[in-house]
Amino acid sequence: MPDVRGRVRGPAITAGVLLLTLVLALPAPAAEGAGAPAPREGERIPTYDVVLTIGGDGVLYVRETITYDFDRAGEHGIVRSVPFRHGDRVYDVRDVRSSSSTGAPSRVRTTRFLNDVRISVGDRNREVSGRQAYVIEYAVAWAFTPRARHDELVWDAIGTGWSVPIGTAAVRVEAPVPLRHATCRAGAPGVTTRCLRDRDGPYAVDFIQRALAPHEGMTIRVKMPKRAIAVEPPRYVPPRWTGGWTGTALLALSLAAVALLARRPALPGRAGAGLAAAGFLLVIADIGDDVAAHGAWAFSLGDRSLAGLALMIVGTGARYARGLRDPAIGHRTVAGRTTVGRSRCEQIVPAGRLPR
């Protein structure tokens, strides 16, 4: 009996890998403020001080002072993830700098991953332990949203991705004009409470919150009078998924085609390789258009990408199916009889006849 499971296994694995790639390309919840390694027992942030300065040029200038208690075994530093994309909206996180008042290594490296700018502070070759203090500074453009009667800023000052508790978090908001409408909510997404308003001044407002649990943050909302600052229009990019019914249907049909090709391949091996290559180029072309128009990490999966994935699935499935049915690979003929998937020692030989 033909080894159906062996024939289907290769195409199924390939289809699974391609679908996994598709899922990973879709937007994932941003982890704003994640530590580099998994936190160890006893690690915490005693104090977290943030100063948000609203510039007259419409840019938000951020200064974060983070006091971190490391485990005695030591770590290489911290990682602060700042979102540069929420849904279809993007922000420009730039001019990143870092330092340490406790002498800890403060070399900064930035990378973009999915929806975040990951700011790594520390040294891969040197561990630190105990209590250390870090200062991270950066600027955020396109952060304000123009409204009919005011310009609005909504910003998560410390993020909700820290997996360690925070003892005391303080956020100071400074502006070039009097701040009449500034509020703060602390807690996890969907479950928040009003922050304690510490001090008020004509051009600055201070908020404070104690005993923040892991993954709890502080979201600041500021309403500025119209024309008080120069506000640039928000920037938007296409959503991650822009495919319609056509591309989705082609992708679904390609999975059904893989099952049929496993039973009776109708395409030569070279044709399968050509389809897979053509599909790959189609995906690259579709994503390349978005990246060229809106920058890196602004790609979206449209009908062209879905059609390309469908071609890759069918082509790779045909390639595997043809290889599994190739007599040079899966079949052996011994003394006039054909065996499938047997080793040389297991070949069946009629009684009284030995192979020469």
Foldseek 3Di string as FASTA:
>chain_A
DDPLCQLLVQLVVVLVVLVVVLVQLAADDDQFFEWDDDADPPKAWAEKEKEWEQDLQRKTKIKIKTKIAHAPVFDFFTKGKAFQDDFFFGKDKDDKDKDWPVPFQFDWDWDDDQGTIIITGGDPVDTDHGITMMMIIIMIALQWADDPFWIKGKGFRNGQNYQHKYFKYKYKYFYPFFFDDKFKWKFAVPDTDGFDWDDHDRGMTMTMDGTYHHRMTMMMMGTHGPPSHNHDHTDGFDGQEAADPLLVVLLVVLVVLLSVCSVPNPDDLVVLVVLLVVLVVQLCVQQVVRCVVPNPSRGHQYSSNSNSSSSNSNSSSSNSSNQQPPCVHFWDADPRDIDGPDDPVPDDDDPPDDGD
